[in-house]
Amino acid sequence: MAGGGSGTIPATLTIDLGALAANWRLLRDRAAPAGCAAVVKADAYGLGTAPVVRTLWAEGCRTFFVAHLSEAVRLKAEAPEAVVYVLNGLLPGAASAFVEADARPVLGSLDEVQDWAACCVALGRPLAAALHVETGMNRLGLAPADLAALATSPLLGAFEPALLMSHLVAAEDPSDPTSARQVAAFAAAREHLPSIPASLANSSGISREDCPAYDLARAGYALYGGNPTPGEPNPMRPVVRLEARIVQVRDIEAGARVGYNGRWTAPSRRRLATLSVGYADGYPRAASGTDEAGRSDTPRGAALVGGALCPFVGTVSMDLIVLDVTDAPIAAARRGSTAVLIGDALNLDEVGRRAGTIGYEILTSLGPRYERRYVGPA
């Protein structure tokens, strides 16, 4: 699916759909006997709703989660028979649009439940929705007391409560006691509605023996290659690779300053390479290599050139990043050569760490200016 001549493409984002499919199979098998849904919000975490959904549907995934109704509409165009839940709930007056889209709202308040029930009564038939119960995130979800009241309310008979769910706060950190409290709180919530299928485990939860998968697990970040078990070897296959061409190479002397506001100073004679990628492409400005960053314990952004780790120098600008390629093989650090920004030793989580953020943000920020190349099944 690549387009344009090789000399016109400054950066290429390769998306391995075969690896995506393998990751879903692994998570599906770990979640069994529960089912495994795919979270494909934010344009499938930045990788493209259409190819991702087609790939997962072909593998047998039948239930998907998105954040907004507009995302559900795009998903349904690729998989009309899919069950699609919209995580961010039901805005006032939106119920009819959900019906038209054949999407299921995740109801997180009594007001939302009342709106959905009223829509179903007006249509004369019960329509499916999920109930989200708050267990510790304090973001969205029915309070436990509201869920208890709903369990005996006639509202519950007006629609089909197809799923009871909650969202884990820190499943990736086994030392955090919050998950245990949430598991207990969710178990208590289920006692009010024991016949409704339940969903609690996310990507990291699937990997934990102490987190029940119940009837449906929700795989997200790990599908796209992120590590669901930080601090341990990543069981997932890498899905994305970002490579950029070197557009210019120069030598500078000790004391020369680089980039906007001269925030990095060469400590000695250095060789620099400039890439045609910047924060307009979604690469975080926080990954900038500055004199201040060099004095801290947090590593700055970097790329791989000829296998050598080359740190960013100067501020990441809108369209350009400068690397220190002094220690890279001369043959690899030339105009037109390729630098790896995501891939190999620079996996998603490492790139996020070097930018002071998380791999999720790196993924979902990937911009439209990259040449996107899909490999494997679509």
Protein backbone atom coordinates (compact mmCIF):
# COMPACT_ATOMS: atom_id res chain seq x y z
CA MET A 1 0.00 0.00 0.00
CA ALA A 2 2.98 2.31 -0.19
CA GLY A 3 2.66 5.20 -2.59
CA GLY A 4 5.02 7.62 -4.28
CA GLY A 5 8.62 7.16 -5.27
CA SER A 6 11.18 6.30 -2.61
CA GLY A 7 12.89 9.65 -3.08
CA THR A 8 9.74 11.55 -2.15
CA ILE A 9 8.94 9.82 1.14
CA PRO A 10 10.59 11.41 4.21
CA ALA A 11 9.17 8.92 6.72
CA THR A 12 7.41 5.56 6.55
CA LEU A 13 5.12 4.02 9.13
CA THR A 14 4.92 0.26 8.65
CA ILE A 15 1.97 -1.51 10.28
CA ASP A 16 2.24 -5.28 10.54
CA LEU A 17 -1.30 -6.65 10.39
CA GLY A 18 0.02 -10.19 10.72
CA ALA A 19 1.53 -9.27 14.08
CA LEU A 20 -1.74 -7.60 15.08
CA ALA A 21 -3.62 -10.81 14.28
CA ALA A 22 -1.10 -12.91 16.22
CA ASN A 23 -1.43 -10.60 19.23
CA TRP A 24 -5.21 -10.93 19.21
CA ARG A 25 -4.93 -14.72 19.05
CA LEU A 26 -2.57 -14.73 22.03
CA LEU A 27 -4.85 -12.49 24.09
CA ARG A 28 -7.91 -14.49 23.02
CA ASP A 29 -6.29 -17.71 24.20
CA ARG A 30 -5.19 -16.16 27.50
CA ALA A 31 -8.69 -14.83 28.14
CA ALA A 32 -10.41 -18.16 27.37
CA PRO A 33 -12.93 -19.42 28.24
CA ALA A 34 -14.07 -15.78 28.27
CA GLY A 35 -14.51 -14.07 24.94
CA CYS A 36 -12.04 -11.43 23.78
CA ALA A 37 -13.14 -8.07 22.39
CA ALA A 38 -10.91 -5.51 20.69
CA VAL A 39 -10.65 -1.87 21.71
CA VAL A 40 -10.25 0.12 18.48
CA LYS A 41 -10.94 3.66 19.65
CA ALA A 42 -8.85 6.61 18.42
CA ASP A 43 -8.69 5.22 14.86
CA ALA A 44 -7.54 1.85 16.19
CA TYR A 45 -4.92 3.52 18.39
CA GLY A 46 -3.72 5.54 15.42
CA LEU A 47 -3.19 2.60 13.05
CA GLY A 48 -6.35 2.89 10.95
CA THR A 49 -9.82 1.62 11.79
CA ALA A 50 -10.52 -0.03 8.44
CA PRO A 51 -7.49 -2.32 8.08
CA VAL A 52 -7.38 -3.14 11.79
CA VAL A 53 -11.07 -4.06 12.02
CA ARG A 54 -10.93 -6.11 8.81
CA THR A 55 -7.95 -8.03 10.17
CA LEU A 56 -9.50 -8.70 13.56
CA TRP A 57 -12.87 -9.66 12.07
CA ALA A 58 -11.12 -12.18 9.82
CA GLU A 59 -9.49 -13.66 12.95
CA GLY A 60 -12.86 -14.14 14.61
CA CYS A 61 -13.19 -11.02 16.77
CA ARG A 62 -16.88 -10.10 16.91
CA THR A 63 -17.11 -7.48 19.66
CA PHE A 64 -15.42 -4.08 19.56
CA PHE A 65 -15.18 -1.05 21.82
CA VAL A 66 -14.77 2.56 20.66
CA ALA A 67 -14.93 5.90 22.47
CA HIS A 68 -17.29 7.92 20.25
CA LEU A 69 -20.33 7.17 18.14
CA SER A 70 -18.60 8.50 15.02
CA GLU A 71 -15.99 5.78 15.50
CA ALA A 72 -18.74 3.17 15.72
CA VAL A 73 -20.17 4.36 12.42
CA ARG A 74 -16.80 3.99 10.69
CA LEU A 75 -16.33 0.55 12.23
CA LYS A 76 -19.75 -0.64 11.11
CA ALA A 77 -18.84 0.27 7.53
CA GLU A 78 -16.11 -2.38 7.72
CA ALA A 79 -17.92 -4.98 9.85
CA PRO A 80 -21.71 -4.44 9.70
CA GLU A 81 -22.45 -7.47 11.88
CA ALA A 82 -20.04 -6.49 14.66
CA VAL A 83 -21.25 -5.75 18.17
CA VAL A 84 -19.93 -2.27 18.97
CA TYR A 85 -19.95 -0.63 22.39
CA VAL A 86 -19.35 3.12 22.75
CA LEU A 87 -17.39 3.70 25.94
CA ASN A 88 -17.97 7.42 26.46
CA GLY A 89 -21.64 7.04 27.18
CA LEU A 90 -24.82 8.66 25.96
CA LEU A 91 -25.07 12.42 25.53
CA PRO A 92 -28.51 14.04 25.87
CA GLY A 93 -30.55 13.60 22.70
CA ALA A 94 -28.15 11.06 21.19
CA ALA A 95 -30.15 7.86 21.68
CA SER A 96 -31.76 7.87 18.23
CA ALA A 97 -28.35 8.24 16.59
CA PHE A 98 -27.15 5.13 18.43
CA VAL A 99 -30.19 3.24 17.18
CA GLU A 100 -29.56 4.36 13.61
CA ALA A 101 -25.89 3.31 13.87
CA ASP A 102 -26.74 -0.04 15.50
CA ALA A 103 -24.27 0.79 18.28
CA ARG A 104 -24.56 0.03 21.98
CA PRO A 105 -23.98 2.82 24.49
CA VAL A 106 -22.05 2.12 27.68
CA LEU A 107 -24.36 3.71 30.24
CA GLY A 108 -22.58 5.27 33.19
CA SER A 109 -25.24 7.26 35.02
CA LEU A 110 -28.92 7.01 35.90
CA ASP A 111 -29.64 9.90 33.54
CA GLU A 112 -28.14 7.91 30.68
CA VAL A 113 -30.08 4.82 31.69
CA GLN A 114 -33.31 6.83 31.73
CA ASP A 115 -32.61 8.30 28.28
CA TRP A 116 -31.87 4.88 26.77
CA ALA A 117 -34.88 3.27 28.45
CA ALA A 118 -37.15 6.06 27.17
CA CYS A 119 -35.83 5.57 23.64
CA CYS A 120 -36.53 1.85 23.84
CA VAL A 121 -40.07 2.43 25.15
CA ALA A 122 -40.74 4.87 22.32
CA LEU A 123 -39.52 2.33 19.77
CA GLY A 124 -41.48 -0.46 21.39
CA ARG A 125 -38.56 -2.84 21.74
CA PRO A 126 -35.66 -3.35 24.16
CA LEU A 127 -32.25 -2.47 22.73
CA ALA A 128 -28.92 -3.61 24.09
CA ALA A 129 -26.57 -1.45 26.15
CA ALA A 130 -23.77 -1.95 28.65
CA LEU A 131 -23.81 -0.76 32.24
CA HIS A 132 -20.57 0.74 33.54
CA VAL A 133 -20.11 0.59 37.31
CA GLU A 134 -17.58 2.80 39.08
CA THR A 135 -15.04 0.81 41.10
CA GLY A 136 -12.15 3.24 41.62
CA MET A 137 -11.39 5.28 38.50
CA ASN A 138 -13.82 8.09 39.45
CA ARG A 139 -14.21 9.08 35.84
CA LEU A 140 -17.28 7.42 34.33
CA GLY A 141 -19.70 4.90 35.75
CA LEU A 142 -22.71 4.29 37.92
CA ALA A 143 -22.09 4.64 41.64
CA PRO A 144 -22.56 1.30 43.42
CA ALA A 145 -25.62 2.69 45.22
CA ASP A 146 -27.16 3.73 41.90
CA LEU A 147 -26.53 0.28 40.47
CA ALA A 148 -28.20 -1.29 43.49
CA ALA A 149 -31.23 0.96 43.02
CA LEU A 150 -31.33 0.19 39.30
CA ALA A 151 -31.40 -3.54 39.98
CA THR A 152 -34.96 -3.22 41.37
CA SER A 153 -36.10 -0.42 39.05
CA PRO A 154 -38.60 -0.88 36.20
CA LEU A 155 -36.10 0.96 34.01
CA LEU A 156 -34.12 -2.25 33.77
CA GLY A 157 -36.98 -3.95 31.97
CA ALA A 158 -37.19 -1.31 29.26
CA PHE A 159 -33.87 -2.17 27.61
CA GLU A 160 -31.51 -5.13 27.33
CA PRO A 161 -28.58 -4.86 29.79
CA ALA A 162 -26.16 -6.90 27.71
CA LEU A 163 -22.96 -6.28 29.68
CA LEU A 164 -21.87 -5.13 33.13
CA MET A 165 -18.39 -3.65 33.08
CA SER A 166 -15.83 -1.57 34.92
CA HIS A 167 -12.39 -0.18 34.11
CA LEU A 168 -9.17 -1.12 35.89
CA VAL A 169 -7.00 1.71 37.20
CA ALA A 170 -3.55 0.10 37.43
CA ALA A 171 -3.67 -3.48 36.20
CA GLU A 172 -0.18 -3.15 34.70
CA ASP A 173 1.29 -2.75 38.20
CA PRO A 174 0.91 -5.91 40.32
CA SER A 175 2.23 -4.07 43.38
CA ASP A 176 -0.63 -1.53 43.31
CA PRO A 177 -3.42 -2.68 45.67
CA THR A 178 -6.05 -0.77 43.69
CA SER A 179 -6.74 -3.71 41.37
CA ALA A 180 -7.57 -6.03 44.25
CA ARG A 181 -9.99 -3.46 45.64
CA GLN A 182 -11.59 -3.04 42.23
CA VAL A 183 -11.96 -6.79 41.72
CA ALA A 184 -13.73 -7.00 45.06
CA ALA A 185 -15.93 -3.97 44.31
CA PHE A 186 -16.91 -5.37 40.93
CA ALA A 187 -17.75 -8.74 42.44
CA ALA A 188 -20.03 -6.95 44.91
CA ALA A 189 -21.67 -5.02 42.08
CA ARG A 190 -22.33 -8.22 40.17
CA GLU A 191 -24.38 -9.55 43.07
CA HIS A 192 -27.06 -7.00 42.18
CA LEU A 193 -27.23 -8.17 38.54
CA PRO A 194 -25.81 -11.69 38.52
CA SER A 195 -27.40 -12.77 35.24
CA ILE A 196 -25.79 -10.07 33.09
CA PRO A 197 -22.55 -10.99 31.26
CA ALA A 198 -19.59 -9.20 32.83
CA SER A 199 -16.35 -7.60 31.62
CA LEU A 200 -13.45 -6.30 33.71
CA ALA A 201 -10.05 -7.36 32.34
CA ASN A 202 -8.16 -5.08 29.97
CA SER A 203 -4.87 -5.97 28.22
CA SER A 204 -2.93 -6.07 31.48
CA GLY A 205 -5.79 -7.68 33.36
CA ILE A 206 -5.82 -10.56 30.87
CA SER A 207 -2.23 -11.29 31.90
CA ARG A 208 -3.02 -11.41 35.64
CA GLU A 209 -4.28 -14.53 37.37
CA ASP A 210 -5.90 -12.44 40.09
CA CYS A 211 -8.08 -10.48 37.65
CA PRO A 212 -11.14 -12.43 36.50
CA ALA A 213 -11.91 -12.19 32.79
CA TYR A 214 -15.58 -13.05 33.47
CA ASP A 215 -17.43 -13.31 30.16
CA LEU A 216 -15.57 -10.80 28.00
CA ALA A 217 -12.04 -9.38 28.14
CA ARG A 218 -11.23 -6.10 26.40
CA ALA A 219 -7.87 -6.13 24.63
CA GLY A 220 -6.46 -2.73 23.73
CA TYR A 221 -2.86 -1.51 23.94
CA ALA A 222 -1.34 -4.99 23.85
CA LEU A 223 -3.04 -5.69 20.52
CA TYR A 224 -0.85 -3.01 18.98
CA GLY A 225 2.40 -4.29 20.47
CA GLY A 226 2.48 -2.51 23.82
CA ASN A 227 3.75 -4.48 26.79
CA PRO A 228 0.86 -5.48 29.10
CA THR A 229 3.34 -6.59 31.78
CA PRO A 230 5.86 -3.76 32.28
CA GLY A 231 9.10 -4.92 33.85
CA GLU A 232 8.74 -8.34 32.29
CA PRO A 233 9.52 -9.50 28.73
CA ASN A 234 6.89 -8.30 26.29
CA PRO A 235 4.85 -11.26 25.03
CA MET A 236 3.35 -9.25 22.19
CA ARG A 237 4.72 -8.93 18.69
CA PRO A 238 5.67 -5.40 17.52
CA VAL A 239 3.05 -3.99 15.17
CA VAL A 240 4.44 -0.57 14.24
CA ARG A 241 7.76 0.56 12.84
CA LEU A 242 8.57 4.19 12.08
CA GLU A 243 11.54 5.01 9.86
CA ALA A 244 12.67 8.41 8.63
CA ARG A 245 15.15 9.45 5.96
CA ILE A 246 18.14 11.59 6.78
CA VAL A 247 17.80 14.82 4.78
CA GLN A 248 21.10 16.45 5.73
CA VAL A 249 24.35 15.68 7.59
CA ARG A 250 26.74 18.25 9.02
CA ASP A 251 29.75 18.53 11.31
CA ILE A 252 29.80 21.11 14.09
CA GLU A 253 32.49 22.26 16.47
CA ALA A 254 32.51 22.24 20.26
CA GLY A 255 30.34 25.02 21.66
CA ALA A 256 27.99 25.19 18.66
CA ARG A 257 24.33 25.35 19.60
CA VAL A 258 21.52 23.45 17.91
CA GLY A 259 17.85 24.13 17.23
CA TYR A 260 15.40 26.77 18.38
CA ASN A 261 16.75 28.87 21.23
CA GLY A 262 20.03 26.95 21.09
CA ARG A 263 19.01 24.63 23.89
CA TRP A 264 21.70 22.00 23.18
CA THR A 265 25.41 22.79 23.09
CA ALA A 266 27.96 20.50 21.45
CA PRO A 267 30.47 19.29 24.06
CA SER A 268 33.00 18.47 21.33
CA ARG A 269 33.19 18.18 17.56
CA ARG A 270 30.02 16.29 16.58
CA ARG A 271 28.36 14.94 13.47
CA LEU A 272 24.65 15.69 13.16
CA ALA A 273 21.87 14.33 10.96
CA THR A 274 18.48 15.93 10.39
CA LEU A 275 15.24 13.99 9.93
CA SER A 276 12.11 15.33 8.25
CA VAL A 277 9.83 14.48 11.19
CA GLY A 278 8.59 16.67 14.03
CA TYR A 279 5.79 17.33 16.45
CA ALA A 280 3.41 18.04 13.55
CA ASP A 281 3.83 14.34 12.80
CA GLY A 282 2.95 13.42 16.37
CA TYR A 283 6.47 12.94 17.66
CA PRO A 284 6.48 14.56 21.13
CA ARG A 285 8.35 17.81 21.62
CA ALA A 286 9.05 16.54 25.13
CA ALA A 287 11.58 14.13 23.62
CA SER A 288 13.87 17.09 22.80
CA GLY A 289 17.56 16.76 23.57
CA THR A 290 18.63 19.80 25.55
CA ASP A 291 21.51 20.69 27.83
CA GLU A 292 19.07 20.49 30.73
CA ALA A 293 17.85 17.04 29.63
CA GLY A 294 21.44 15.89 29.37
CA ARG A 295 21.98 16.70 33.03
CA SER A 296 18.94 14.71 34.19
CA ASP A 297 18.49 10.99 34.74
CA THR A 298 15.72 10.78 32.13
CA PRO A 299 17.06 9.72 28.73
CA ARG A 300 16.08 11.95 25.84
CA GLY A 301 14.62 10.89 22.54
CA ALA A 302 16.76 8.85 20.19
CA ALA A 303 16.81 7.04 16.87
CA LEU A 304 18.73 4.05 15.60
CA VAL A 305 21.13 4.66 12.73
CA GLY A 306 23.00 1.65 11.48
CA GLY A 307 22.05 -0.05 14.75
CA ALA A 308 23.65 2.71 16.85
CA LEU A 309 21.53 4.63 19.35
CA CYS A 310 21.72 8.29 18.35
CA PRO A 311 20.27 10.85 20.78
CA PHE A 312 18.15 13.81 19.74
CA VAL A 313 19.94 17.15 20.06
CA GLY A 314 18.14 20.45 20.19
CA THR A 315 14.40 20.98 20.34
CA VAL A 316 12.06 18.74 18.39
CA SER A 317 10.51 21.27 16.02
CA MET A 318 7.35 21.18 13.97
CA ASP A 319 8.90 19.33 11.03
CA LEU A 320 12.47 18.39 11.96
CA ILE A 321 14.50 16.39 14.46
CA VAL A 322 18.30 16.55 14.74
CA LEU A 323 20.34 13.52 15.81
CA ASP A 324 23.89 13.20 17.07
CA VAL A 325 25.23 10.50 14.74
CA THR A 326 28.88 10.85 15.74
CA ASP A 327 28.99 7.25 16.98
CA ALA A 328 26.96 5.75 14.14
CA PRO A 329 28.63 3.91 11.25
CA ILE A 330 29.64 6.49 8.66
CA ALA A 331 28.11 4.45 5.86
CA ALA A 332 24.73 4.47 7.66
CA ALA A 333 24.70 8.14 8.64
CA ARG A 334 24.44 9.65 5.17
CA ARG A 335 21.93 11.80 3.33
CA GLY A 336 19.10 9.53 2.22
CA SER A 337 19.87 6.80 4.77
CA THR A 338 17.22 5.57 7.18
CA ALA A 339 16.86 6.17 10.90
CA VAL A 340 14.52 4.06 13.04
CA LEU A 341 12.33 6.11 15.38
CA ILE A 342 10.09 3.25 16.52
CA GLY A 343 11.29 -0.32 16.19
CA ASP A 344 13.95 -2.78 17.33
CA ALA A 345 15.42 -1.54 20.63
CA LEU A 346 13.18 1.52 20.48
CA ASN A 347 9.88 -0.22 21.17
CA LEU A 348 6.71 1.71 21.92
CA ASP A 349 7.21 1.71 25.66
CA GLU A 350 10.84 2.82 25.40
CA VAL A 351 9.94 5.63 23.01
CA GLY A 352 7.24 6.76 25.41
CA ARG A 353 9.66 6.65 28.35
CA ARG A 354 12.19 8.76 26.49
CA ALA A 355 9.51 11.35 25.74
CA GLY A 356 8.29 11.44 29.34
CA THR A 357 4.97 9.85 28.38
CA ILE A 358 3.52 6.42 27.63
CA GLY A 359 3.41 4.24 24.55
CA TYR A 360 -0.34 4.81 24.26
CA GLU A 361 0.25 8.49 23.52
CA ILE A 362 2.99 7.70 21.02
CA LEU A 363 0.66 5.36 19.12
CA THR A 364 -2.40 7.56 19.08
CA SER A 365 -0.40 10.64 18.04
CA LEU A 366 1.02 9.13 14.86
CA GLY A 367 0.24 11.74 12.24
CA PRO A 368 -1.21 11.62 8.73
CA ARG A 369 1.96 12.80 6.96
CA TYR A 370 3.72 9.46 7.24
CA GLU A 371 3.66 7.12 4.29
CA ARG A 372 1.64 4.25 5.73
CA ARG A 373 2.58 0.77 4.63
CA TYR A 374 0.42 -2.17 5.70
CA VAL A 375 1.95 -5.62 5.56
CA GLY A 376 0.33 -8.98 6.26
CA PRO A 377 -3.38 -9.79 6.07
CA ALA A 378 -5.91 -6.98 5.79
